[in-house]
PDB file of all heavy atoms in Angstrom:
ATOM      1  N   ASN A   1      -9.354 -13.316  -4.968  1.00  0.00           N
ATOM      2  CA  ASN A   1     -10.533 -12.458  -4.844  1.00  0.00           C
ATOM      3  C   ASN A   1     -10.479 -11.800  -3.469  1.00  0.00           C
ATOM      4  O   ASN A   1     -10.466 -12.477  -2.453  1.00  0.00           O
ATOM      5  CB  ASN A   1     -11.823 -13.263  -5.018  1.00  0.00           C
ATOM      6  CG  ASN A   1     -11.998 -13.728  -6.445  1.00  0.00           C
ATOM      7  OD1 ASN A   1     -11.473 -13.134  -7.377  1.00  0.00           O
ATOM      8  ND2 ASN A   1     -12.732 -14.795  -6.622  1.00  0.00           N
ATOM      9  N   TRP A   2     -10.409 -10.474  -3.459  1.00  0.00           N
ATOM     10  CA  TRP A   2     -10.224  -9.703  -2.234  1.00  0.00           C
ATOM     11  C   TRP A   2     -11.566  -9.515  -1.529  1.00  0.00           C
ATOM     12  O   TRP A   2     -12.570  -9.246  -2.186  1.00  0.00           O
ATOM     13  CB  TRP A   2      -9.611  -8.348  -2.603  1.00  0.00           C
ATOM     14  CG  TRP A   2      -8.868  -7.706  -1.492  1.00  0.00           C
ATOM     15  CD1 TRP A   2      -9.215  -6.573  -0.829  1.00  0.00           C
ATOM     16  CD2 TRP A   2      -7.649  -8.144  -0.909  1.00  0.00           C
ATOM     17  NE1 TRP A   2      -8.283  -6.278   0.127  1.00  0.00           N
ATOM     18  CE2 TRP A   2      -7.305  -7.235   0.105  1.00  0.00           C
ATOM     19  CE3 TRP A   2      -6.797  -9.235  -1.143  1.00  0.00           C
ATOM     20  CZ2 TRP A   2      -6.166  -7.361   0.889  1.00  0.00           C
ATOM     21  CZ3 TRP A   2      -5.655  -9.364  -0.367  1.00  0.00           C
ATOM     22  CH2 TRP A   2      -5.353  -8.431   0.630  1.00  0.00           C
ATOM     23  N   PRO A   3     -11.594  -9.643  -0.206  1.00  0.00           N
ATOM     24  CA  PRO A   3     -12.878  -9.549   0.502  1.00  0.00           C
ATOM     25  C   PRO A   3     -13.463  -8.134   0.555  1.00  0.00           C
ATOM     26  O   PRO A   3     -14.683  -7.978   0.616  1.00  0.00           O
ATOM     27  CB  PRO A   3     -12.555 -10.063   1.905  1.00  0.00           C
ATOM     28  CG  PRO A   3     -11.089  -9.881   2.048  1.00  0.00           C
ATOM     29  CD  PRO A   3     -10.504 -10.014   0.676  1.00  0.00           C
ATOM     30  N   ALA A   4     -12.619  -7.107   0.531  1.00  0.00           N
ATOM     31  CA  ALA A   4     -13.124  -5.725   0.567  1.00  0.00           C
ATOM     32  C   ALA A   4     -13.497  -5.275  -0.838  1.00  0.00           C
ATOM     33  O   ALA A   4     -12.980  -5.780  -1.835  1.00  0.00           O
ATOM     34  CB  ALA A   4     -12.074  -4.798   1.148  1.00  0.00           C
ATOM     35  N   ARG A   5     -14.406  -4.315  -0.909  1.00  0.00           N
ATOM     36  CA  ARG A   5     -14.834  -3.775  -2.204  1.00  0.00           C
ATOM     37  C   ARG A   5     -14.434  -2.309  -2.304  1.00  0.00           C
ATOM     38  O   ARG A   5     -14.501  -1.578  -1.320  1.00  0.00           O
ATOM     39  CB  ARG A   5     -16.348  -3.909  -2.366  1.00  0.00           C
ATOM     40  CG  ARG A   5     -16.786  -5.339  -2.500  1.00  0.00           C
ATOM     41  CD  ARG A   5     -18.297  -5.456  -2.558  1.00  0.00           C
ATOM     42  NE  ARG A   5     -18.687  -6.823  -2.790  1.00  0.00           N
ATOM     43  CZ  ARG A   5     -19.113  -7.286  -3.960  1.00  0.00           C
ATOM     44  NH1 ARG A   5     -19.232  -6.482  -4.986  1.00  0.00           N
ATOM     45  NH2 ARG A   5     -19.428  -8.551  -4.092  1.00  0.00           N
ATOM     46  N   LEU A   6     -14.054  -1.902  -3.495  1.00  0.00           N
ATOM     47  CA  LEU A   6     -13.707  -0.520  -3.763  1.00  0.00           C
ATOM     48  C   LEU A   6     -14.955   0.337  -3.630  1.00  0.00           C
ATOM     49  O   LEU A   6     -15.960   0.073  -4.287  1.00  0.00           O
ATOM     50  CB  LEU A   6     -13.113  -0.405  -5.174  1.00  0.00           C
ATOM     51  CG  LEU A   6     -12.632   0.969  -5.614  1.00  0.00           C
ATOM     52  CD1 LEU A   6     -11.502   1.465  -4.716  1.00  0.00           C
ATOM     53  CD2 LEU A   6     -12.147   0.906  -7.057  1.00  0.00           C
ATOM     54  N   GLY A   7     -14.925   1.299  -2.742  1.00  0.00           N
ATOM     55  CA  GLY A   7     -16.087   2.147  -2.521  1.00  0.00           C
ATOM     56  C   GLY A   7     -17.263   1.381  -1.943  1.00  0.00           C
ATOM     57  O   GLY A   7     -18.399   1.839  -2.031  1.00  0.00           O
ATOM     58  N   GLY A   8     -16.986   0.192  -1.404  1.00  0.00           N
ATOM     59  CA  GLY A   8     -18.044  -0.640  -0.863  1.00  0.00           C
ATOM     60  C   GLY A   8     -18.897  -1.317  -1.918  1.00  0.00           C
ATOM     61  O   GLY A   8     -19.856  -2.009  -1.607  1.00  0.00           O
ATOM     62  N   VAL A   9     -18.559  -1.125  -3.204  1.00  0.00           N
ATOM     63  CA  VAL A   9     -19.392  -1.622  -4.300  1.00  0.00           C
ATOM     64  C   VAL A   9     -18.637  -2.526  -5.272  1.00  0.00           C
ATOM     65  O   VAL A   9     -19.091  -3.616  -5.595  1.00  0.00           O
ATOM     66  CB  VAL A   9     -19.995  -0.421  -5.085  1.00  0.00           C
ATOM     67  CG1 VAL A   9     -20.822  -0.905  -6.251  1.00  0.00           C
ATOM     68  CG2 VAL A   9     -20.801   0.465  -4.169  1.00  0.00           C
ATOM     69  N   CYS A  10     -17.501  -2.092  -5.748  1.00  0.00           N
ATOM     70  CA  CYS A  10     -16.788  -2.780  -6.828  1.00  0.00           C
ATOM     71  C   CYS A  10     -15.863  -3.878  -6.288  1.00  0.00           C
ATOM     72  O   CYS A  10     -14.965  -3.599  -5.494  1.00  0.00           O
ATOM     73  CB  CYS A  10     -15.982  -1.757  -7.629  1.00  0.00           C
ATOM     74  SG  CYS A  10     -15.182  -2.448  -9.075  1.00  0.00           S
ATOM     75  N   PRO A  11     -16.053  -5.142  -6.714  1.00  0.00           N
ATOM     76  CA  PRO A  11     -15.193  -6.239  -6.273  1.00  0.00           C
ATOM     77  C   PRO A  11     -13.747  -6.045  -6.738  1.00  0.00           C
ATOM     78  O   PRO A  11     -13.493  -5.546  -7.837  1.00  0.00           O
ATOM     79  CB  PRO A  11     -15.794  -7.479  -6.931  1.00  0.00           C
ATOM     80  CG  PRO A  11     -17.136  -7.078  -7.407  1.00  0.00           C
ATOM     81  CD  PRO A  11     -17.094  -5.599  -7.627  1.00  0.00           C
ATOM     82  N   LEU A  12     -12.817  -6.453  -5.898  1.00  0.00           N
ATOM     83  CA  LEU A  12     -11.389  -6.330  -6.202  1.00  0.00           C
ATOM     84  C   LEU A  12     -10.735  -7.700  -6.282  1.00  0.00           C
ATOM     85  O   LEU A  12     -11.215  -8.672  -5.712  1.00  0.00           O
ATOM     86  CB  LEU A  12     -10.682  -5.517  -5.126  1.00  0.00           C
ATOM     87  CG  LEU A  12     -11.049  -4.051  -5.013  1.00  0.00           C
ATOM     88  CD1 LEU A  12     -10.416  -3.441  -3.769  1.00  0.00           C
ATOM     89  CD2 LEU A  12     -10.597  -3.304  -6.255  1.00  0.00           C
ATOM     90  N   GLN A  13      -9.601  -7.726  -6.976  1.00  0.00           N
ATOM     91  CA  GLN A  13      -8.793  -8.926  -7.065  1.00  0.00           C
ATOM     92  C   GLN A  13      -7.339  -8.513  -6.833  1.00  0.00           C
ATOM     93  O   GLN A  13      -6.857  -7.541  -7.416  1.00  0.00           O
ATOM     94  CB  GLN A  13      -8.950  -9.560  -8.443  1.00  0.00           C
ATOM     95  CG  GLN A  13      -8.349 -10.924  -8.567  1.00  0.00           C
ATOM     96  CD  GLN A  13      -8.730 -11.566  -9.884  1.00  0.00           C
ATOM     97  OE1 GLN A  13      -8.452 -11.016 -10.945  1.00  0.00           O
ATOM     98  NE2 GLN A  13      -9.345 -12.726  -9.829  1.00  0.00           N
ATOM     99  N   PHE A  14      -6.666  -9.230  -5.945  1.00  0.00           N
ATOM    100  CA  PHE A  14      -5.246  -9.028  -5.673  1.00  0.00           C
ATOM    101  C   PHE A  14      -4.482  -9.939  -6.633  1.00  0.00           C
ATOM    102  O   PHE A  14      -4.694 -11.152  -6.637  1.00  0.00           O
ATOM    103  CB  PHE A  14      -4.948  -9.404  -4.220  1.00  0.00           C
ATOM    104  CG  PHE A  14      -3.491  -9.404  -3.858  1.00  0.00           C
ATOM    105  CD1 PHE A  14      -2.833  -8.222  -3.580  1.00  0.00           C
ATOM    106  CD2 PHE A  14      -2.783 -10.591  -3.768  1.00  0.00           C
ATOM    107  CE1 PHE A  14      -1.504  -8.214  -3.223  1.00  0.00           C
ATOM    108  CE2 PHE A  14      -1.449 -10.600  -3.423  1.00  0.00           C
ATOM    109  CZ  PHE A  14      -0.802  -9.408  -3.142  1.00  0.00           C
ATOM    110  N   VAL A  15      -3.630  -9.354  -7.469  1.00  0.00           N
ATOM    111  CA  VAL A  15      -2.862 -10.122  -8.445  1.00  0.00           C
ATOM    112  C   VAL A  15      -1.386  -9.930  -8.127  1.00  0.00           C
ATOM    113  O   VAL A  15      -0.904  -8.796  -8.053  1.00  0.00           O
ATOM    114  CB  VAL A  15      -3.165  -9.664  -9.888  1.00  0.00           C
ATOM    115  CG1 VAL A  15      -2.352 -10.472 -10.890  1.00  0.00           C
ATOM    116  CG2 VAL A  15      -4.661  -9.784 -10.184  1.00  0.00           C
ATOM    117  N   ALA A  16      -0.677 -11.045  -7.901  1.00  0.00           N
ATOM    118  CA  ALA A  16       0.734 -10.980  -7.530  1.00  0.00           C
ATOM    119  C   ALA A  16       1.565 -11.892  -8.422  1.00  0.00           C
ATOM    120  O   ALA A  16       1.096 -12.932  -8.881  1.00  0.00           O
ATOM    121  CB  ALA A  16       0.915 -11.387  -6.073  1.00  0.00           C
ATOM    122  N   GLU A  17       2.803 -11.478  -8.632  1.00  0.00           N
ATOM    123  CA  GLU A  17       3.773 -12.277  -9.365  1.00  0.00           C
ATOM    124  C   GLU A  17       4.906 -12.586  -8.399  1.00  0.00           C
ATOM    125  O   GLU A  17       5.343 -11.716  -7.648  1.00  0.00           O
ATOM    126  CB  GLU A  17       4.307 -11.487 -10.553  1.00  0.00           C
ATOM    127  CG  GLU A  17       5.342 -12.223 -11.368  1.00  0.00           C
ATOM    128  CD  GLU A  17       5.873 -11.350 -12.492  1.00  0.00           C
ATOM    129  OE1 GLU A  17       5.157 -11.182 -13.485  1.00  0.00           O
ATOM    130  OE2 GLU A  17       7.004 -10.827 -12.340  1.00  0.00           O
ATOM    131  N   GLY A  18       5.331 -13.833  -8.401  1.00  0.00           N
ATOM    132  CA  GLY A  18       6.421 -14.196  -7.503  1.00  0.00           C
ATOM    133  C   GLY A  18       7.046 -15.513  -7.882  1.00  0.00           C
ATOM    134  O   GLY A  18       6.560 -16.229  -8.752  1.00  0.00           O
ATOM    135  N   ARG A  19       8.135 -15.824  -7.192  1.00  0.00           N
ATOM    136  CA  ARG A  19       8.859 -17.069  -7.425  1.00  0.00           C
ATOM    137  C   ARG A  19       8.524 -18.080  -6.334  1.00  0.00           C
ATOM    138  O   ARG A  19       8.406 -17.730  -5.168  1.00  0.00           O
ATOM    139  CB  ARG A  19      10.354 -16.817  -7.434  1.00  0.00           C
ATOM    140  CG  ARG A  19      10.766 -15.965  -8.614  1.00  0.00           C
ATOM    141  CD  ARG A  19      12.153 -16.320  -9.105  1.00  0.00           C
ATOM    142  NE  ARG A  19      12.501 -15.470 -10.231  1.00  0.00           N
ATOM    143  CZ  ARG A  19      12.325 -15.807 -11.506  1.00  0.00           C
ATOM    144  NH1 ARG A  19      11.811 -16.975 -11.807  1.00  0.00           N
ATOM    145  NH2 ARG A  19      12.660 -14.985 -12.474  1.00  0.00           N
ATOM    146  N   VAL A  20       8.388 -19.324  -6.742  1.00  0.00           N
ATOM    147  CA  VAL A  20       8.107 -20.406  -5.800  1.00  0.00           C
ATOM    148  C   VAL A  20       9.324 -20.600  -4.902  1.00  0.00           C
ATOM    149  O   VAL A  20      10.448 -20.780  -5.384  1.00  0.00           O
ATOM    150  CB  VAL A  20       7.776 -21.719  -6.546  1.00  0.00           C
ATOM    151  CG1 VAL A  20       7.607 -22.870  -5.575  1.00  0.00           C
ATOM    152  CG2 VAL A  20       6.528 -21.542  -7.401  1.00  0.00           C
ATOM    153  N   VAL A  21       9.087 -20.541  -3.580  1.00  0.00           N
ATOM    154  CA  VAL A  21      10.158 -20.749  -2.608  1.00  0.00           C
ATOM    155  C   VAL A  21       9.952 -22.028  -1.802  1.00  0.00           C
ATOM    156  O   VAL A  21      10.852 -22.469  -1.096  1.00  0.00           O
ATOM    157  CB  VAL A  21      10.314 -19.534  -1.660  1.00  0.00           C
ATOM    158  CG1 VAL A  21      10.786 -18.311  -2.429  1.00  0.00           C
ATOM    159  CG2 VAL A  21       9.030 -19.231  -0.913  1.00  0.00           C
ATOM    160  N   ARG A  22       8.751 -22.623  -1.929  1.00  0.00           N
ATOM    161  CA  ARG A  22       8.461 -23.877  -1.228  1.00  0.00           C
ATOM    162  C   ARG A  22       7.289 -24.564  -1.914  1.00  0.00           C
ATOM    163  O   ARG A  22       6.332 -23.926  -2.302  1.00  0.00           O
ATOM    164  CB  ARG A  22       8.122 -23.579   0.229  1.00  0.00           C
ATOM    165  CG  ARG A  22       7.928 -24.826   1.071  1.00  0.00           C
ATOM    166  CD  ARG A  22       7.802 -24.507   2.534  1.00  0.00           C
ATOM    167  NE  ARG A  22       6.499 -23.893   2.792  1.00  0.00           N
ATOM    168  CZ  ARG A  22       6.273 -23.032   3.772  1.00  0.00           C
ATOM    169  NH1 ARG A  22       7.244 -22.648   4.558  1.00  0.00           N
ATOM    170  NH2 ARG A  22       5.071 -22.557   3.962  1.00  0.00           N
ATOM    171  N   SER A  23       7.376 -25.889  -2.035  1.00  0.00           N
ATOM    172  CA  SER A  23       6.283 -26.661  -2.626  1.00  0.00           C
ATOM    173  C   SER A  23       6.402 -28.104  -2.184  1.00  0.00           C
ATOM    174  O   SER A  23       7.484 -28.685  -2.239  1.00  0.00           O
ATOM    175  CB  SER A  23       6.340 -26.573  -4.154  1.00  0.00           C
ATOM    176  OG  SER A  23       5.298 -27.308  -4.737  1.00  0.00           O
ATOM    177  N   ASP A  24       5.272 -28.681  -1.704  1.00  0.00           N
ATOM    178  CA  ASP A  24       5.304 -30.067  -1.249  1.00  0.00           C
ATOM    179  C   ASP A  24       4.231 -30.926  -1.924  1.00  0.00           C
ATOM    180  O   ASP A  24       3.949 -32.024  -1.483  1.00  0.00           O
ATOM    181  CB  ASP A  24       5.168 -30.137   0.267  1.00  0.00           C
ATOM    182  CG  ASP A  24       3.834 -29.619   0.783  1.00  0.00           C
ATOM    183  OD1 ASP A  24       2.900 -29.422  -0.025  1.00  0.00           O
ATOM    184  OD2 ASP A  24       3.728 -29.404   1.999  1.00  0.00           O
ATOM    185  N   GLY A  25       3.609 -30.436  -2.967  1.00  0.00           N
ATOM    186  CA  GLY A  25       2.577 -31.184  -3.672  1.00  0.00           C
ATOM    187  C   GLY A  25       1.173 -30.874  -3.195  1.00  0.00           C
ATOM    188  O   GLY A  25       0.221 -31.016  -3.938  1.00  0.00           O
ATOM    189  N   ALA A  26       1.032 -30.446  -1.933  1.00  0.00           N
ATOM    190  CA  ALA A  26      -0.277 -30.080  -1.393  1.00  0.00           C
ATOM    191  C   ALA A  26      -0.392 -28.581  -1.177  1.00  0.00           C
ATOM    192  O   ALA A  26      -1.483 -28.017  -1.193  1.00  0.00           O
ATOM    193  CB  ALA A  26      -0.535 -30.805  -0.071  1.00  0.00           C
ATOM    194  N   SER A  27       0.752 -27.916  -1.003  1.00  0.00           N
ATOM    195  CA  SER A  27       0.769 -26.468  -0.826  1.00  0.00           C
ATOM    196  C   SER A  27       2.063 -25.916  -1.413  1.00  0.00           C
ATOM    197  O   SER A  27       3.021 -26.649  -1.641  1.00  0.00           O
ATOM    198  CB  SER A  27       0.647 -26.081   0.652  1.00  0.00           C
ATOM    199  OG  SER A  27       1.769 -26.528   1.373  1.00  0.00           O
ATOM    200  N   ALA A  28       2.048 -24.616  -1.647  1.00  0.00           N
ATOM    201  CA  ALA A  28       3.231 -23.946  -2.180  1.00  0.00           C
ATOM    202  C   ALA A  28       3.260 -22.529  -1.638  1.00  0.00           C
ATOM    203  O   ALA A  28       2.238 -21.980  -1.229  1.00  0.00           O
ATOM    204  CB  ALA A  28       3.204 -23.933  -3.712  1.00  0.00           C
ATOM    205  N   ALA A  29       4.452 -21.945  -1.652  1.00  0.00           N
ATOM    206  CA  ALA A  29       4.625 -20.566  -1.206  1.00  0.00           C
ATOM    207  C   ALA A  29       5.419 -19.809  -2.254  1.00  0.00           C
ATOM    208  O   ALA A  29       6.337 -20.352  -2.876  1.00  0.00           O
ATOM    209  CB  ALA A  29       5.351 -20.520   0.131  1.00  0.00           C
ATOM    210  N   ILE A  30       5.039 -18.553  -2.459  1.00  0.00           N
ATOM    211  CA  ILE A  30       5.803 -17.684  -3.347  1.00  0.00           C
ATOM    212  C   ILE A  30       6.291 -16.471  -2.568  1.00  0.00           C
ATOM    213  O   ILE A  30       5.677 -16.044  -1.595  1.00  0.00           O
ATOM    214  CB  ILE A  30       4.993 -17.203  -4.574  1.00  0.00           C
ATOM    215  CG1 ILE A  30       3.803 -16.329  -4.160  1.00  0.00           C
ATOM    216  CG2 ILE A  30       4.564 -18.368  -5.439  1.00  0.00           C
ATOM    217  CD1 ILE A  30       3.201 -15.542  -5.312  1.00  0.00           C
ATOM    218  N   HIS A  31       7.419 -15.939  -3.019  1.00  0.00           N
ATOM    219  CA  HIS A  31       7.912 -14.654  -2.542  1.00  0.00           C
ATOM    220  C   HIS A  31       7.431 -13.621  -3.555  1.00  0.00           C
ATOM    221  O   HIS A  31       7.732 -13.726  -4.751  1.00  0.00           O
ATOM    222  CB  HIS A  31       9.444 -14.663  -2.457  1.00  0.00           C
ATOM    223  CG  HIS A  31       9.999 -13.355  -2.017  1.00  0.00           C
ATOM    224  ND1 HIS A  31      10.480 -12.421  -2.894  1.00  0.00           N
ATOM    225  CD2 HIS A  31      10.108 -12.801  -0.781  1.00  0.00           C
ATOM    226  CE1 HIS A  31      10.881 -11.356  -2.221  1.00  0.00           C
ATOM    227  NE2 HIS A  31      10.665 -11.564  -0.938  1.00  0.00           N
ATOM    228  N   ILE A  32       6.654 -12.650  -3.105  1.00  0.00           N
ATOM    229  CA  ILE A  32       6.046 -11.666  -4.011  1.00  0.00           C
ATOM    230  C   ILE A  32       7.106 -10.717  -4.558  1.00  0.00           C
ATOM    231  O   ILE A  32       7.867 -10.114  -3.805  1.00  0.00           O
ATOM    232  CB  ILE A  32       4.947 -10.864  -3.293  1.00  0.00           C
ATOM    233  CG1 ILE A  32       3.811 -11.794  -2.861  1.00  0.00           C
ATOM    234  CG2 ILE A  32       4.416  -9.741  -4.185  1.00  0.00           C
ATOM    235  CD1 ILE A  32       2.774 -11.121  -1.973  1.00  0.00           C
ATOM    236  N   ARG A  33       7.145 -10.585  -5.889  1.00  0.00           N
ATOM    237  CA  ARG A  33       8.030  -9.631  -6.567  1.00  0.00           C
ATOM    238  C   ARG A  33       7.291  -8.338  -6.887  1.00  0.00           C
ATOM    239  O   ARG A  33       7.848  -7.262  -6.804  1.00  0.00           O
ATOM    240  CB  ARG A  33       8.574 -10.236  -7.870  1.00  0.00           C
ATOM    241  CG  ARG A  33       9.508 -11.393  -7.646  1.00  0.00           C
ATOM    242  CD  ARG A  33       9.878 -12.113  -8.924  1.00  0.00           C
ATOM    243  NE  ARG A  33       9.847 -11.303 -10.118  1.00  0.00           N
ATOM    244  CZ  ARG A  33      10.883 -11.083 -10.927  1.00  0.00           C
ATOM    245  NH1 ARG A  33      12.037 -11.638 -10.664  1.00  0.00           N
ATOM    246  NH2 ARG A  33      10.759 -10.356 -12.001  1.00  0.00           N
TER     247      ARG A  33
END
């Protein structure tokens, strides 16, 4: 959920697809494709 709003009104969502490059059970990281 993105903190800025489109036109100051409409809520935005950042949607990304990526591959897991790190994971330790408590956190994970992806490289965005």
